[in-house]
Amino acid sequence: MSQETIGVMIQLLGGEYRFACTSGERDDLLEAGRYLDEKLREVRDRSSKLLSLEAVAVMAAMNISHELLHQRRQSDETDALVNYHVQAIVQKIDDVLSKAVPVEL
């Protein structure tokens, strides 16, 4: 079941950009566009007004990449901690079960 491809207009720093996506991806694409526009504006507003659009875009991309990598590291650390605790619980269950007296049915 393939979805129809639609065009979506995204506003970035006052410019309009057209993207293609499926109708099911539309809301996510619009949210991503709002997020990117926010990040572009943050860079532009914090920096010299003389920066080119390309420089603003590269700086925003680096900031977003940094955020993504930081979140991935946090997620990996959380996964490792959860796995550690799950293994500890499994080990405790195995220890209890190994000491249990078998019940005859």
PDB file of N, CA and C in Angstrom:
ATOM      1  N   MET A   1       0.844  -1.169   0.000  1.00  0.00           N
ATOM      2  CA  MET A   1       0.000   0.000   0.000  1.00  0.00           C
ATOM      3  C   MET A   1       0.893   1.236   0.000  1.00  0.00           C
ATOM      4  N   SER A   2       1.122   1.821  -1.144  1.00  0.00           N
ATOM      5  CA  SER A   2       1.960   3.008  -1.218  1.00  0.00           C
ATOM      6  C   SER A   2       1.088   4.245  -1.125  1.00  0.00           C
ATOM      7  N   GLN A   3       1.628   5.250  -0.445  1.00  0.00           N
ATOM      8  CA  GLN A   3       0.895   6.497  -0.305  1.00  0.00           C
ATOM      9  C   GLN A   3       1.288   7.437  -1.431  1.00  0.00           C
ATOM     10  N   GLU A   4       0.377   8.304  -1.748  1.00  0.00           N
ATOM     11  CA  GLU A   4       0.601   9.275  -2.809  1.00  0.00           C
ATOM     12  C   GLU A   4       1.638  10.307  -2.359  1.00  0.00           C
ATOM     13  N   THR A   5       2.509  10.697  -3.272  1.00  0.00           N
ATOM     14  CA  THR A   5       3.496  11.732  -2.985  1.00  0.00           C
ATOM     15  C   THR A   5       2.840  13.094  -3.144  1.00  0.00           C
ATOM     16  N   ILE A   6       3.081  13.948  -2.154  1.00  0.00           N
ATOM     17  CA  ILE A   6       2.525  15.301  -2.185  1.00  0.00           C
ATOM     18  C   ILE A   6       3.652  16.316  -2.046  1.00  0.00           C
ATOM     19  N   GLY A   7       3.379  17.548  -2.422  1.00  0.00           N
ATOM     20  CA  GLY A   7       4.331  18.634  -2.249  1.00  0.00           C
ATOM     21  C   GLY A   7       3.986  19.427  -1.002  1.00  0.00           C
ATOM     22  N   VAL A   8       4.994  19.794  -0.255  1.00  0.00           N
ATOM     23  CA  VAL A   8       4.801  20.571   0.970  1.00  0.00           C
ATOM     24  C   VAL A   8       5.731  21.784   0.914  1.00  0.00           C
ATOM     25  N   MET A   9       5.161  22.947   1.209  1.00  0.00           N
ATOM     26  CA  MET A   9       5.949  24.179   1.240  1.00  0.00           C
ATOM     27  C   MET A   9       6.442  24.417   2.667  1.00  0.00           C
ATOM     28  N   ILE A  10       7.741  24.662   2.793  1.00  0.00           N
ATOM     29  CA  ILE A  10       8.364  24.924   4.088  1.00  0.00           C
ATOM     30  C   ILE A  10       8.993  26.313   4.039  1.00  0.00           C
ATOM     31  N   GLN A  11       8.721  27.114   5.047  1.00  0.00           N
ATOM     32  CA  GLN A  11       9.317  28.451   5.161  1.00  0.00           C
ATOM     33  C   GLN A  11      10.604  28.346   5.973  1.00  0.00           C
ATOM     34  N   LEU A  12      11.719  28.783   5.388  1.00  0.00           N
ATOM     35  CA  LEU A  12      13.004  28.813   6.078  1.00  0.00           C
ATOM     36  C   LEU A  12      13.612  30.193   5.905  1.00  0.00           C
ATOM     37  N   LEU A  13      13.743  30.911   7.000  1.00  0.00           N
ATOM     38  CA  LEU A  13      14.287  32.278   6.990  1.00  0.00           C
ATOM     39  C   LEU A  13      13.597  33.162   5.959  1.00  0.00           C
ATOM     40  N   GLY A  14      12.308  33.029   5.854  1.00  0.00           N
ATOM     41  CA  GLY A  14      11.542  33.869   4.944  1.00  0.00           C
ATOM     42  C   GLY A  14      11.454  33.358   3.525  1.00  0.00           C
ATOM     43  N   GLY A  15      12.250  32.372   3.167  1.00  0.00           N
ATOM     44  CA  GLY A  15      12.183  31.781   1.837  1.00  0.00           C
ATOM     45  C   GLY A  15      11.278  30.567   1.839  1.00  0.00           C
ATOM     46  N   GLU A  16      10.680  30.277   0.704  1.00  0.00           N
ATOM     47  CA  GLU A  16       9.809  29.104   0.581  1.00  0.00           C
ATOM     48  C   GLU A  16      10.541  28.003  -0.180  1.00  0.00           C
ATOM     49  N   TYR A  17      10.450  26.799   0.363  1.00  0.00           N
ATOM     50  CA  TYR A  17      11.088  25.639  -0.244  1.00  0.00           C
ATOM     51  C   TYR A  17      10.042  24.537  -0.353  1.00  0.00           C
ATOM     52  N   ARG A  18      10.029  23.890  -1.500  1.00  0.00           N
ATOM     53  CA  ARG A  18       9.044  22.829  -1.755  1.00  0.00           C
ATOM     54  C   ARG A  18       9.740  21.481  -1.577  1.00  0.00           C
ATOM     55  N   PHE A  19       9.087  20.608  -0.813  1.00  0.00           N
ATOM     56  CA  PHE A  19       9.597  19.267  -0.574  1.00  0.00           C
ATOM     57  C   PHE A  19       8.520  18.259  -0.942  1.00  0.00           C
ATOM     58  N   ALA A  20       8.955  17.090  -1.343  1.00  0.00           N
ATOM     59  CA  ALA A  20       8.023  16.004  -1.655  1.00  0.00           C
ATOM     60  C   ALA A  20       8.059  15.001  -0.511  1.00  0.00           C
ATOM     61  N   CYS A  21       6.887  14.501  -0.160  1.00  0.00           N
ATOM     62  CA  CYS A  21       6.788  13.467   0.867  1.00  0.00           C
ATOM     63  C   CYS A  21       5.462  12.738   0.676  1.00  0.00           C
ATOM     64  N   THR A  22       5.270  11.680   1.432  1.00  0.00           N
ATOM     65  CA  THR A  22       3.973  11.018   1.407  1.00  0.00           C
ATOM     66  C   THR A  22       3.031  11.774   2.345  1.00  0.00           C
ATOM     67  N   SER A  23       1.756  11.571   2.170  1.00  0.00           N
ATOM     68  CA  SER A  23       0.790  12.276   3.017  1.00  0.00           C
ATOM     69  C   SER A  23       0.974  11.907   4.481  1.00  0.00           C
ATOM     70  N   GLY A  24       1.418  10.706   4.756  1.00  0.00           N
ATOM     71  CA  GLY A  24       1.669  10.276   6.129  1.00  0.00           C
ATOM     72  C   GLY A  24       2.870  10.946   6.770  1.00  0.00           C
ATOM     73  N   GLU A  25       3.782  11.468   5.945  1.00  0.00           N
ATOM     74  CA  GLU A  25       4.986  12.133   6.455  1.00  0.00           C
ATOM     75  C   GLU A  25       4.826  13.646   6.562  1.00  0.00           C
ATOM     76  N   ARG A  26       3.724  14.158   6.069  1.00  0.00           N
ATOM     77  CA  ARG A  26       3.512  15.612   5.972  1.00  0.00           C
ATOM     78  C   ARG A  26       3.705  16.331   7.304  1.00  0.00           C
ATOM     79  N   ASP A  27       3.036  15.872   8.350  1.00  0.00           N
ATOM     80  CA  ASP A  27       3.112  16.550   9.642  1.00  0.00           C
ATOM     81  C   ASP A  27       4.533  16.534  10.204  1.00  0.00           C
ATOM     82  N   ASP A  28       5.221  15.407  10.059  1.00  0.00           N
ATOM     83  CA  ASP A  28       6.611  15.330  10.527  1.00  0.00           C
ATOM     84  C   ASP A  28       7.511  16.282   9.744  1.00  0.00           C
ATOM     85  N   LEU A  29       7.288  16.367   8.438  1.00  0.00           N
ATOM     86  CA  LEU A  29       8.085  17.271   7.611  1.00  0.00           C
ATOM     87  C   LEU A  29       7.842  18.728   8.001  1.00  0.00           C
ATOM     88  N   LEU A  30       6.593  19.079   8.251  1.00  0.00           N
ATOM     89  CA  LEU A  30       6.282  20.446   8.674  1.00  0.00           C
ATOM     90  C   LEU A  30       6.924  20.757  10.028  1.00  0.00           C
ATOM     91  N   GLU A  31       6.883  19.810  10.940  1.00  0.00           N
ATOM     92  CA  GLU A  31       7.518  20.003  12.250  1.00  0.00           C
ATOM     93  C   GLU A  31       9.028  20.158  12.098  1.00  0.00           C
ATOM     94  N   ALA A  32       9.634  19.331  11.250  1.00  0.00           N
ATOM     95  CA  ALA A  32      11.070  19.439  11.003  1.00  0.00           C
ATOM     96  C   ALA A  32      11.410  20.792  10.393  1.00  0.00           C
ATOM     97  N   GLY A  33      10.561  21.266   9.496  1.00  0.00           N
ATOM     98  CA  GLY A  33      10.778  22.578   8.888  1.00  0.00           C
ATOM     99  C   GLY A  33      10.702  23.696   9.911  1.00  0.00           C
ATOM    100  N   ARG A  34       9.740  23.633  10.816  1.00  0.00           N
ATOM    101  CA  ARG A  34       9.634  24.653  11.871  1.00  0.00           C
ATOM    102  C   ARG A  34      10.862  24.624  12.772  1.00  0.00           C
ATOM    103  N   TYR A  35      11.314  23.417  13.092  1.00  0.00           N
ATOM    104  CA  TYR A  35      12.501  23.272  13.945  1.00  0.00           C
ATOM    105  C   TYR A  35      13.736  23.844  13.256  1.00  0.00           C
ATOM    106  N   LEU A  36      13.915  23.513  11.981  1.00  0.00           N
ATOM    107  CA  LEU A  36      15.062  24.022  11.237  1.00  0.00           C
ATOM    108  C   LEU A  36      14.999  25.538  11.110  1.00  0.00           C
ATOM    109  N   ASP A  37      13.826  26.075  10.829  1.00  0.00           N
ATOM    110  CA  ASP A  37      13.674  27.531  10.735  1.00  0.00           C
ATOM    111  C   ASP A  37      14.050  28.194  12.055  1.00  0.00           C
ATOM    112  N   GLU A  38      13.623  27.600  13.160  1.00  0.00           N
ATOM    113  CA  GLU A  38      13.965  28.130  14.491  1.00  0.00           C
ATOM    114  C   GLU A  38      15.476  28.135  14.699  1.00  0.00           C
ATOM    115  N   LYS A  39      16.139  27.047  14.336  1.00  0.00           N
ATOM    116  CA  LYS A  39      17.591  26.943  14.511  1.00  0.00           C
ATOM    117  C   LYS A  39      18.332  27.921  13.593  1.00  0.00           C
ATOM    118  N   LEU A  40      17.856  28.065  12.364  1.00  0.00           N
ATOM    119  CA  LEU A  40      18.465  29.025  11.438  1.00  0.00           C
ATOM    120  C   LEU A  40      18.349  30.447  11.994  1.00  0.00           C
ATOM    121  N   ARG A  41      17.179  30.774  12.520  1.00  0.00           N
ATOM    122  CA  ARG A  41      16.963  32.110  13.082  1.00  0.00           C
ATOM    123  C   ARG A  41      17.832  32.350  14.316  1.00  0.00           C
ATOM    124  N   GLU A  42      17.994  31.322  15.137  1.00  0.00           N
ATOM    125  CA  GLU A  42      18.864  31.452  16.313  1.00  0.00           C
ATOM    126  C   GLU A  42      20.291  31.774  15.894  1.00  0.00           C
ATOM    127  N   VAL A  43      20.802  31.054  14.908  1.00  0.00           N
ATOM    128  CA  VAL A  43      22.170  31.292  14.438  1.00  0.00           C
ATOM    129  C   VAL A  43      22.280  32.694  13.850  1.00  0.00           C
ATOM    130  N   ARG A  44      21.341  33.042  13.004  1.00  0.00           N
ATOM    131  CA  ARG A  44      21.373  34.356  12.358  1.00  0.00           C
ATOM    132  C   ARG A  44      21.308  35.483  13.399  1.00  0.00           C
ATOM    133  N   ASP A  45      20.440  35.335  14.381  1.00  0.00           N
ATOM    134  CA  ASP A  45      20.255  36.389  15.372  1.00  0.00           C
ATOM    135  C   ASP A  45      21.426  36.510  16.340  1.00  0.00           C
ATOM    136  N   ARG A  46      22.141  35.414  16.576  1.00  0.00           N
ATOM    137  CA  ARG A  46      23.298  35.433  17.477  1.00  0.00           C
ATOM    138  C   ARG A  46      24.572  35.846  16.769  1.00  0.00           C
ATOM    139  N   SER A  47      24.567  35.808  15.462  1.00  0.00           N
ATOM    140  CA  SER A  47      25.781  36.042  14.685  1.00  0.00           C
ATOM    141  C   SER A  47      25.739  37.411  14.020  1.00  0.00           C
ATOM    142  N   SER A  48      26.820  37.683  13.362  1.00  0.00           N
ATOM    143  CA  SER A  48      26.894  38.910  12.577  1.00  0.00           C
ATOM    144  C   SER A  48      25.824  38.880  11.499  1.00  0.00           C
ATOM    145  N   LYS A  49      25.185  39.984  11.297  1.00  0.00           N
ATOM    146  CA  LYS A  49      24.142  40.064  10.262  1.00  0.00           C
ATOM    147  C   LYS A  49      24.733  39.930   8.854  1.00  0.00           C
ATOM    148  N   LEU A  50      26.043  39.936   8.768  1.00  0.00           N
ATOM    149  CA  LEU A  50      26.693  39.860   7.466  1.00  0.00           C
ATOM    150  C   LEU A  50      26.918  38.425   6.991  1.00  0.00           C
ATOM    151  N   LEU A  51      26.528  37.446   7.805  1.00  0.00           N
ATOM    152  CA  LEU A  51      26.714  36.050   7.393  1.00  0.00           C
ATOM    153  C   LEU A  51      25.833  35.733   6.194  1.00  0.00           C
ATOM    154  N   SER A  52      26.383  34.964   5.289  1.00  0.00           N
ATOM    155  CA  SER A  52      25.597  34.526   4.141  1.00  0.00           C
ATOM    156  C   SER A  52      24.604  33.459   4.592  1.00  0.00           C
ATOM    157  N   LEU A  53      23.596  33.242   3.784  1.00  0.00           N
ATOM    158  CA  LEU A  53      22.613  32.196   4.070  1.00  0.00           C
ATOM    159  C   LEU A  53      23.312  30.839   4.175  1.00  0.00           C
ATOM    160  N   GLU A  54      24.306  30.629   3.319  1.00  0.00           N
ATOM    161  CA  GLU A  54      25.048  29.368   3.354  1.00  0.00           C
ATOM    162  C   GLU A  54      25.766  29.187   4.691  1.00  0.00           C
ATOM    163  N   ALA A  55      26.410  30.237   5.185  1.00  0.00           N
ATOM    164  CA  ALA A  55      27.117  30.151   6.466  1.00  0.00           C
ATOM    165  C   ALA A  55      26.136  29.898   7.610  1.00  0.00           C
ATOM    166  N   VAL A  56      25.007  30.570   7.592  1.00  0.00           N
ATOM    167  CA  VAL A  56      23.979  30.357   8.621  1.00  0.00           C
ATOM    168  C   VAL A  56      23.503  28.908   8.568  1.00  0.00           C
ATOM    169  N   ALA A  57      23.262  28.396   7.364  1.00  0.00           N
ATOM    170  CA  ALA A  57      22.779  27.023   7.203  1.00  0.00           C
ATOM    171  C   ALA A  57      23.814  26.014   7.704  1.00  0.00           C
ATOM    172  N   VAL A  58      25.089  26.238   7.403  1.00  0.00           N
ATOM    173  CA  VAL A  58      26.132  25.313   7.843  1.00  0.00           C
ATOM    174  C   VAL A  58      26.247  25.339   9.362  1.00  0.00           C
ATOM    175  N   MET A  59      26.203  26.514   9.954  1.00  0.00           N
ATOM    176  CA  MET A  59      26.300  26.621  11.412  1.00  0.00           C
ATOM    177  C   MET A  59      25.094  25.955  12.088  1.00  0.00           C
ATOM    178  N   ALA A  60      23.900  26.163  11.542  1.00  0.00           N
ATOM    179  CA  ALA A  60      22.706  25.524  12.095  1.00  0.00           C
ATOM    180  C   ALA A  60      22.805  24.004  11.944  1.00  0.00           C
ATOM    181  N   ALA A  61      23.303  23.544  10.804  1.00  0.00           N
ATOM    182  CA  ALA A  61      23.467  22.102  10.586  1.00  0.00           C
ATOM    183  C   ALA A  61      24.444  21.507  11.593  1.00  0.00           C
ATOM    184  N   MET A  62      25.518  22.224  11.889  1.00  0.00           N
ATOM    185  CA  MET A  62      26.487  21.744  12.880  1.00  0.00           C
ATOM    186  C   MET A  62      25.846  21.693  14.266  1.00  0.00           C
ATOM    187  N   ASN A  63      25.062  22.695  14.615  1.00  0.00           N
ATOM    188  CA  ASN A  63      24.384  22.698  15.915  1.00  0.00           C
ATOM    189  C   ASN A  63      23.404  21.530  16.026  1.00  0.00           C
ATOM    190  N   ILE A  64      22.646  21.299  14.965  1.00  0.00           N
ATOM    191  CA  ILE A  64      21.678  20.197  14.968  1.00  0.00           C
ATOM    192  C   ILE A  64      22.407  18.855  15.020  1.00  0.00           C
ATOM    193  N   SER A  65      23.516  18.726  14.294  1.00  0.00           N
ATOM    194  CA  SER A  65      24.307  17.487  14.332  1.00  0.00           C
ATOM    195  C   SER A  65      24.847  17.232  15.731  1.00  0.00           C
ATOM    196  N   HIS A  66      25.309  18.291  16.376  1.00  0.00           N
ATOM    197  CA  HIS A  66      25.813  18.168  17.746  1.00  0.00           C
ATOM    198  C   HIS A  66      24.701  17.697  18.682  1.00  0.00           C
ATOM    199  N   GLU A  67      23.516  18.287  18.565  1.00  0.00           N
ATOM    200  CA  GLU A  67      22.361  17.867  19.374  1.00  0.00           C
ATOM    201  C   GLU A  67      22.054  16.389  19.148  1.00  0.00           C
ATOM    202  N   LEU A  68      22.016  15.984  17.882  1.00  0.00           N
ATOM    203  CA  LEU A  68      21.699  14.601  17.540  1.00  0.00           C
ATOM    204  C   LEU A  68      22.715  13.632  18.141  1.00  0.00           C
ATOM    205  N   LEU A  69      24.002  13.936  17.993  1.00  0.00           N
ATOM    206  CA  LEU A  69      25.034  13.054  18.527  1.00  0.00           C
ATOM    207  C   LEU A  69      24.964  12.982  20.045  1.00  0.00           C
ATOM    208  N   HIS A  70      24.686  14.110  20.696  1.00  0.00           N
ATOM    209  CA  HIS A  70      24.556  14.138  22.148  1.00  0.00           C
ATOM    210  C   HIS A  70      23.373  13.258  22.585  1.00  0.00           C
ATOM    211  N   GLN A  71      22.250  13.371  21.893  1.00  0.00           N
ATOM    212  CA  GLN A  71      21.079  12.562  22.232  1.00  0.00           C
ATOM    213  C   GLN A  71      21.329  11.082  21.966  1.00  0.00           C
ATOM    214  N   ARG A  72      22.058  10.772  20.906  1.00  0.00           N
ATOM    215  CA  ARG A  72      22.385   9.369  20.625  1.00  0.00           C
ATOM    216  C   ARG A  72      23.247   8.787  21.736  1.00  0.00           C
ATOM    217  N   ARG A  73      24.254   9.576  22.188  1.00  0.00           N
ATOM    218  CA  ARG A  73      25.112   9.106  23.278  1.00  0.00           C
ATOM    219  C   ARG A  73      24.289   8.864  24.542  1.00  0.00           C
ATOM    220  N   GLN A  74      23.402   9.804  24.850  1.00  0.00           N
ATOM    221  CA  GLN A  74      22.550   9.638  26.029  1.00  0.00           C
ATOM    222  C   GLN A  74      21.670   8.402  25.892  1.00  0.00           C
ATOM    223  N   SER A  75      21.126   8.185  24.715  1.00  0.00           N
ATOM    224  CA  SER A  75      20.281   7.017  24.471  1.00  0.00           C
ATOM    225  C   SER A  75      21.088   5.729  24.619  1.00  0.00           C
ATOM    226  N   ASP A  76      22.310   5.723  24.077  1.00  0.00           N
ATOM    227  CA  ASP A  76      23.167   4.539  24.196  1.00  0.00           C
ATOM    228  C   ASP A  76      23.502   4.259  25.657  1.00  0.00           C
ATOM    229  N   GLU A  77      23.788   5.322  26.425  1.00  0.00           N
ATOM    230  CA  GLU A  77      24.096   5.148  27.841  1.00  0.00           C
ATOM    231  C   GLU A  77      22.881   4.616  28.592  1.00  0.00           C
ATOM    232  N   THR A  78      21.707   5.136  28.282  1.00  0.00           N
ATOM    233  CA  THR A  78      20.481   4.669  28.917  1.00  0.00           C
ATOM    234  C   THR A  78      20.221   3.213  28.569  1.00  0.00           C
ATOM    235  N   ASP A  79      20.398   2.857  27.294  1.00  0.00           N
ATOM    236  CA  ASP A  79      20.215   1.462  26.870  1.00  0.00           C
ATOM    237  C   ASP A  79      21.169   0.534  27.622  1.00  0.00           C
ATOM    238  N   ALA A  80      22.423   0.952  27.758  1.00  0.00           N
ATOM    239  CA  ALA A  80      23.414   0.128  28.460  1.00  0.00           C
ATOM    240  C   ALA A  80      23.026  -0.041  29.926  1.00  0.00           C
ATOM    241  N   LEU A  81      22.553   1.019  30.560  1.00  0.00           N
ATOM    242  CA  LEU A  81      22.148   0.951  31.956  1.00  0.00           C
ATOM    243  C   LEU A  81      20.929   0.043  32.133  1.00  0.00           C
ATOM    244  N   VAL A  82      19.954   0.187  31.243  1.00  0.00           N
ATOM    245  CA  VAL A  82      18.765  -0.676  31.302  1.00  0.00           C
ATOM    246  C   VAL A  82      19.175  -2.131  31.102  1.00  0.00           C
ATOM    247  N   ASN A  83      20.026  -2.401  30.123  1.00  0.00           N
ATOM    248  CA  ASN A  83      20.477  -3.769  29.875  1.00  0.00           C
ATOM    249  C   ASN A  83      21.205  -4.344  31.087  1.00  0.00           C
ATOM    250  N   TYR A  84      22.023  -3.532  31.734  1.00  0.00           N
ATOM    251  CA  TYR A  84      22.742  -3.968  32.932  1.00  0.00           C
ATOM    252  C   TYR A  84      21.754  -4.377  34.020  1.00  0.00           C
ATOM    253  N   HIS A  85      20.745  -3.538  34.255  1.00  0.00           N
ATOM    254  CA  HIS A  85      19.763  -3.839  35.302  1.00  0.00           C
ATOM    255  C   HIS A  85      18.903  -5.054  34.939  1.00  0.00           C
ATOM    256  N   VAL A  86      18.547  -5.187  33.686  1.00  0.00           N
ATOM    257  CA  VAL A  86      17.777  -6.358  33.258  1.00  0.00           C
ATOM    258  C   VAL A  86      18.598  -7.633  33.476  1.00  0.00           C
ATOM    259  N   GLN A  87      19.867  -7.593  33.106  1.00  0.00           N
ATOM    260  CA  GLN A  87      20.728  -8.768  33.315  1.00  0.00           C
ATOM    261  C   GLN A  87      20.865  -9.091  34.794  1.00  0.00           C
ATOM    262  N   ALA A  88      20.953  -8.067  35.639  1.00  0.00           N
ATOM    263  CA  ALA A  88      21.048  -8.293  37.085  1.00  0.00           C
ATOM    264  C   ALA A  88      19.776  -8.943  37.614  1.00  0.00           C
ATOM    265  N   ILE A  89      18.629  -8.494  37.140  1.00  0.00           N
ATOM    266  CA  ILE A  89      17.348  -9.088  37.557  1.00  0.00           C
ATOM    267  C   ILE A  89      17.251 -10.529  37.075  1.00  0.00           C
ATOM    268  N   VAL A  90      17.629 -10.767  35.827  1.00  0.00           N
ATOM    269  CA  VAL A  90      17.594 -12.131  35.284  1.00  0.00           C
ATOM    270  C   VAL A  90      18.506 -13.040  36.104  1.00  0.00           C
ATOM    271  N   GLN A  91      19.679 -12.532  36.470  1.00  0.00           N
ATOM    272  CA  GLN A  91      20.615 -13.331  37.276  1.00  0.00           C
ATOM    273  C   GLN A  91      20.008 -13.650  38.639  1.00  0.00           C
ATOM    274  N   LYS A  92      19.352 -12.685  39.265  1.00  0.00           N
ATOM    275  CA  LYS A  92      18.707 -12.931  40.564  1.00  0.00           C
ATOM    276  C   LYS A  92      17.594 -13.968  40.426  1.00  0.00           C
ATOM    277  N   ILE A  93      16.818 -13.865  39.374  1.00  0.00           N
ATOM    278  CA  ILE A  93      15.747 -14.848  39.137  1.00  0.00           C
ATOM    279  C   ILE A  93      16.345 -16.233  38.925  1.00  0.00           C
ATOM    280  N   ASP A  94      17.396 -16.314  38.129  1.00  0.00           N
ATOM    281  CA  ASP A  94      18.060 -17.606  37.900  1.00  0.00           C
ATOM    282  C   ASP A  94      18.597 -18.182  39.204  1.00  0.00           C
ATOM    283  N   ASP A  95      19.192 -17.327  40.050  1.00  0.00           N
ATOM    284  CA  ASP A  95      19.721 -17.787  41.339  1.00  0.00           C
ATOM    285  C   ASP A  95      18.611 -18.350  42.220  1.00  0.00           C
ATOM    286  N   VAL A  96      17.484 -17.641  42.284  1.00  0.00           N
ATOM    287  CA  VAL A  96      16.361 -18.103  43.104  1.00  0.00           C
ATOM    288  C   VAL A  96      15.807 -19.411  42.547  1.00  0.00           C
ATOM    289  N   LEU A  97      15.640 -19.470  41.238  1.00  0.00           N
ATOM    290  CA  LEU A  97      15.088 -20.684  40.626  1.00  0.00           C
ATOM    291  C   LEU A  97      16.024 -21.878  40.780  1.00  0.00           C
ATOM    292  N   SER A  98      17.319 -21.653  40.773  1.00  0.00           N
ATOM    293  CA  SER A  98      18.258 -22.759  40.897  1.00  0.00           C
ATOM    294  C   SER A  98      18.259 -23.330  42.311  1.00  0.00           C
ATOM    295  N   LYS A  99      17.838 -22.543  43.306  1.00  0.00           N
ATOM    296  CA  LYS A  99      17.784 -22.997  44.693  1.00  0.00           C
ATOM    297  C   LYS A  99      16.400 -23.544  45.075  1.00  0.00           C
ATOM    298  N   ALA A 100      15.455 -23.365  44.204  1.00  0.00           N
ATOM    299  CA  ALA A 100      14.080 -23.794  44.492  1.00  0.00           C
ATOM    300  C   ALA A 100      13.982 -25.312  44.422  1.00  0.00           C
ATOM    301  N   VAL A 101      13.137 -25.851  45.287  1.00  0.00           N
ATOM    302  CA  VAL A 101      12.919 -27.297  45.302  1.00  0.00           C
ATOM    303  C   VAL A 101      11.913 -27.609  44.195  1.00  0.00           C
ATOM    304  N   PRO A 102      12.246 -28.566  43.342  1.00  0.00           N
ATOM    305  CA  PRO A 102      11.317 -28.927  42.268  1.00  0.00           C
ATOM    306  C   PRO A 102      10.011 -29.455  42.842  1.00  0.00           C
ATOM    307  N   VAL A 103       8.934 -29.084  42.248  1.00  0.00           N
ATOM    308  CA  VAL A 103       7.606 -29.524  42.674  1.00  0.00           C
ATOM    309  C   VAL A 103       7.131 -30.606  41.713  1.00  0.00           C
ATOM    310  N   GLU A 104       6.715 -31.735  42.273  1.00  0.00           N
ATOM    311  CA  GLU A 104       6.200 -32.828  41.464  1.00  0.00           C
ATOM    312  C   GLU A 104       4.714 -32.557  41.172  1.00  0.00           C
ATOM    313  N   LEU A 105       4.331 -32.750  39.958  1.00  0.00           N
ATOM    314  CA  LEU A 105       2.927 -32.578  39.578  1.00  0.00           C
ATOM    315  C   LEU A 105       2.188 -33.860  39.585  1.00  0.00           C
TER     316      LEU A 105
END
